[in-house]
């Protein structure tokens, strides 16, 4: 899993003006790479309970979400596309990671993502 996250994930960052046209090749490529990384995130977190939780959280949240996915989400204009991306990421996260948290708090690895959701 670590090798896949470190070597297979690539989401190019293009200027917003370049990817605003959803039919442009750059925009389509960036979107395909984003959804591929979301699928990898969902596969990584499936190992929760089998592989040590800290390893799964490191790969899934620290590396995939914060290093790749969040950058793309932050560069996506606010609207339906951004909401869909956020919903898919949230759907990947195991509920049990949040069971012992007190109201209004989140996992340390999710602070930046949580701030984006609050906006």
C-alpha atoms as a PDB file:
ATOM      1  CA  UNK A   1       0.000   0.000   0.000  1.00  0.00           C
ATOM      2  CA  UNK A   2       2.793   2.387   0.906  1.00  0.00           C
ATOM      3  CA  UNK A   3       4.452   1.833  -2.456  1.00  0.00           C
ATOM      4  CA  UNK A   4       1.182   2.546  -4.289  1.00  0.00           C
ATOM      5  CA  UNK A   5       0.623   5.755  -2.350  1.00  0.00           C
ATOM      6  CA  UNK A   6       4.189   6.951  -2.825  1.00  0.00           C
ATOM      7  CA  UNK A   7       4.729   5.904  -6.439  1.00  0.00           C
ATOM      8  CA  UNK A   8       1.362   5.594  -8.176  1.00  0.00           C
ATOM      9  CA  UNK A   9      -0.485   8.706  -7.062  1.00  0.00           C
ATOM     10  CA  UNK A  10      -0.053  11.751  -9.238  1.00  0.00           C
ATOM     11  CA  UNK A  11      -2.525  14.594  -9.440  1.00  0.00           C
ATOM     12  CA  UNK A  12      -1.174  17.489 -11.473  1.00  0.00           C
ATOM     13  CA  UNK A  13      -1.934  20.991 -10.283  1.00  0.00           C
ATOM     14  CA  UNK A  14      -2.830  23.280 -13.133  1.00  0.00           C
ATOM     15  CA  UNK A  15      -3.784  26.941 -12.827  1.00  0.00           C
ATOM     16  CA  UNK A  16      -7.508  27.407 -12.181  1.00  0.00           C
ATOM     17  CA  UNK A  17      -7.902  29.158 -15.514  1.00  0.00           C
ATOM     18  CA  UNK A  18      -6.608  26.027 -17.263  1.00  0.00           C
ATOM     19  CA  UNK A  19      -9.020  23.591 -15.631  1.00  0.00           C
ATOM     20  CA  UNK A  20     -12.139  25.778 -15.484  1.00  0.00           C
ATOM     21  CA  UNK A  21     -13.057  24.407 -18.898  1.00  0.00           C
ATOM     22  CA  UNK A  22     -14.266  20.923 -17.884  1.00  0.00           C
ATOM     23  CA  UNK A  23     -13.868  19.672 -21.452  1.00  0.00           C
ATOM     24  CA  UNK A  24     -10.165  20.534 -21.660  1.00  0.00           C
ATOM     25  CA  UNK A  25      -7.738  17.593 -21.721  1.00  0.00           C
ATOM     26  CA  UNK A  26      -5.900  18.913 -18.650  1.00  0.00           C
ATOM     27  CA  UNK A  27      -9.100  19.191 -16.645  1.00  0.00           C
ATOM     28  CA  UNK A  28     -10.214  15.700 -17.626  1.00  0.00           C
ATOM     29  CA  UNK A  29      -6.815  14.229 -16.785  1.00  0.00           C
ATOM     30  CA  UNK A  30      -6.716  15.964 -13.407  1.00  0.00           C
ATOM     31  CA  UNK A  31     -10.218  14.703 -12.587  1.00  0.00           C
ATOM     32  CA  UNK A  32      -9.372  11.115 -13.556  1.00  0.00           C
ATOM     33  CA  UNK A  33      -6.261  11.199 -11.364  1.00  0.00           C
ATOM     34  CA  UNK A  34      -8.240  12.675  -8.453  1.00  0.00           C
ATOM     35  CA  UNK A  35     -10.908   9.952  -8.591  1.00  0.00           C
ATOM     36  CA  UNK A  36      -8.221   7.291  -8.912  1.00  0.00           C
ATOM     37  CA  UNK A  37      -6.646   8.599  -5.693  1.00  0.00           C
ATOM     38  CA  UNK A  38     -10.056   8.599  -3.962  1.00  0.00           C
ATOM     39  CA  UNK A  39     -10.477   4.957  -4.935  1.00  0.00           C
ATOM     40  CA  UNK A  40      -7.042   4.210  -3.500  1.00  0.00           C
ATOM     41  CA  UNK A  41      -8.046   6.002  -0.287  1.00  0.00           C
ATOM     42  CA  UNK A  42     -11.153   3.836  -0.004  1.00  0.00           C
ATOM     43  CA  UNK A  43      -9.041   0.716  -0.554  1.00  0.00           C
ATOM     44  CA  UNK A  44      -6.442   1.778   2.019  1.00  0.00           C
ATOM     45  CA  UNK A  45      -9.024   2.389   4.752  1.00  0.00           C
ATOM     46  CA  UNK A  46     -10.588  -1.023   4.080  1.00  0.00           C
ATOM     47  CA  UNK A  47      -7.493  -2.400   5.820  1.00  0.00           C
ATOM     48  CA  UNK A  48      -8.502  -0.664   9.061  1.00  0.00           C
ATOM     49  CA  UNK A  49      -8.807  -3.334  11.733  1.00  0.00           C
ATOM     50  CA  UNK A  50      -6.462  -5.654   9.858  1.00  0.00           C
ATOM     51  CA  UNK A  51      -3.401  -3.418   9.641  1.00  0.00           C
ATOM     52  CA  UNK A  52      -2.438  -1.160  12.554  1.00  0.00           C
ATOM     53  CA  UNK A  53      -4.722   1.861  12.673  1.00  0.00           C
ATOM     54  CA  UNK A  54      -1.858   4.353  12.858  1.00  0.00           C
ATOM     55  CA  UNK A  55      -0.384   2.924   9.635  1.00  0.00           C
ATOM     56  CA  UNK A  56      -3.734   3.124   7.836  1.00  0.00           C
ATOM     57  CA  UNK A  57      -4.346   6.677   9.072  1.00  0.00           C
ATOM     58  CA  UNK A  58      -0.848   7.743   8.060  1.00  0.00           C
ATOM     59  CA  UNK A  59      -1.204   6.386   4.533  1.00  0.00           C
ATOM     60  CA  UNK A  60      -4.820   7.365   4.039  1.00  0.00           C
ATOM     61  CA  UNK A  61      -5.018  10.706   5.779  1.00  0.00           C
ATOM     62  CA  UNK A  62      -1.515  12.140   6.116  1.00  0.00           C
ATOM     63  CA  UNK A  63      -0.256  11.009   2.752  1.00  0.00           C
ATOM     64  CA  UNK A  64      -3.226  10.610   0.389  1.00  0.00           C
ATOM     65  CA  UNK A  65      -5.746  13.102   1.727  1.00  0.00           C
ATOM     66  CA  UNK A  66      -3.471  15.880   2.930  1.00  0.00           C
ATOM     67  CA  UNK A  67      -0.755  15.549   0.294  1.00  0.00           C
ATOM     68  CA  UNK A  68      -2.830  14.988  -2.834  1.00  0.00           C
ATOM     69  CA  UNK A  69      -6.600  15.065  -2.489  1.00  0.00           C
ATOM     70  CA  UNK A  70      -6.946  18.170  -0.348  1.00  0.00           C
ATOM     71  CA  UNK A  71      -4.868  20.278  -2.732  1.00  0.00           C
ATOM     72  CA  UNK A  72      -7.200  19.346  -5.555  1.00  0.00           C
ATOM     73  CA  UNK A  73     -10.304  19.978  -3.433  1.00  0.00           C
ATOM     74  CA  UNK A  74      -9.015  23.408  -2.397  1.00  0.00           C
ATOM     75  CA  UNK A  75      -8.386  24.295  -6.050  1.00  0.00           C
ATOM     76  CA  UNK A  76     -11.863  23.189  -7.110  1.00  0.00           C
ATOM     77  CA  UNK A  77     -14.305  26.124  -7.180  1.00  0.00           C
ATOM     78  CA  UNK A  78     -16.943  25.992  -4.451  1.00  0.00           C
ATOM     79  CA  UNK A  79     -20.085  24.375  -5.781  1.00  0.00           C
ATOM     80  CA  UNK A  80     -21.504  20.969  -6.671  1.00  0.00           C
ATOM     81  CA  UNK A  81     -18.191  19.485  -7.866  1.00  0.00           C
ATOM     82  CA  UNK A  82     -16.428  20.467  -4.647  1.00  0.00           C
ATOM     83  CA  UNK A  83     -19.276  19.101  -2.536  1.00  0.00           C
ATOM     84  CA  UNK A  84     -19.225  15.808  -4.431  1.00  0.00           C
ATOM     85  CA  UNK A  85     -15.469  15.438  -3.898  1.00  0.00           C
ATOM     86  CA  UNK A  86     -15.781  16.175  -0.172  1.00  0.00           C
ATOM     87  CA  UNK A  87     -18.693  13.741   0.204  1.00  0.00           C
ATOM     88  CA  UNK A  88     -16.742  10.944  -1.465  1.00  0.00           C
ATOM     89  CA  UNK A  89     -13.734  11.517   0.781  1.00  0.00           C
ATOM     90  CA  UNK A  90     -15.919  11.557   3.902  1.00  0.00           C
ATOM     91  CA  UNK A  91     -17.649   8.362   2.773  1.00  0.00           C
ATOM     92  CA  UNK A  92     -14.258   6.610   2.769  1.00  0.00           C
ATOM     93  CA  UNK A  93     -13.530   7.330   6.427  1.00  0.00           C
ATOM     94  CA  UNK A  94     -14.350   4.597   8.955  1.00  0.00           C
ATOM     95  CA  UNK A  95     -16.930   5.715  11.528  1.00  0.00           C
ATOM     96  CA  UNK A  96     -15.062   4.043  14.372  1.00  0.00           C
ATOM     97  CA  UNK A  97     -12.234   6.581  14.023  1.00  0.00           C
ATOM     98  CA  UNK A  98     -14.664   9.219  15.295  1.00  0.00           C
ATOM     99  CA  UNK A  99     -16.438   7.313  18.074  1.00  0.00           C
ATOM    100  CA  UNK A 100     -14.242   8.487  20.963  1.00  0.00           C
ATOM    101  CA  UNK A 101     -14.000  12.118  19.860  1.00  0.00           C
ATOM    102  CA  UNK A 102     -15.730  14.814  21.842  1.00  0.00           C
ATOM    103  CA  UNK A 103     -18.215  17.105  20.103  1.00  0.00           C
ATOM    104  CA  UNK A 104     -16.658  19.700  17.838  1.00  0.00           C
ATOM    105  CA  UNK A 105     -13.299  17.926  17.605  1.00  0.00           C
ATOM    106  CA  UNK A 106     -11.753  15.882  14.849  1.00  0.00           C
ATOM    107  CA  UNK A 107      -8.710  13.762  14.120  1.00  0.00           C
ATOM    108  CA  UNK A 108      -5.485  15.797  13.931  1.00  0.00           C
ATOM    109  CA  UNK A 109      -4.919  14.613  10.348  1.00  0.00           C
ATOM    110  CA  UNK A 110      -8.316  16.024   9.355  1.00  0.00           C
ATOM    111  CA  UNK A 111      -7.917  19.577  10.667  1.00  0.00           C
ATOM    112  CA  UNK A 112      -7.326  21.205   7.256  1.00  0.00           C
ATOM    113  CA  UNK A 113     -10.072  19.169   5.613  1.00  0.00           C
ATOM    114  CA  UNK A 114     -12.469  20.037   8.457  1.00  0.00           C
ATOM    115  CA  UNK A 115     -11.692  23.733   8.065  1.00  0.00           C
ATOM    116  CA  UNK A 116     -12.499  23.497   4.373  1.00  0.00           C
ATOM    117  CA  UNK A 117     -15.803  21.767   5.152  1.00  0.00           C
ATOM    118  CA  UNK A 118     -16.716  24.496   7.636  1.00  0.00           C
ATOM    119  CA  UNK A 119     -16.260  27.134   4.941  1.00  0.00           C
END
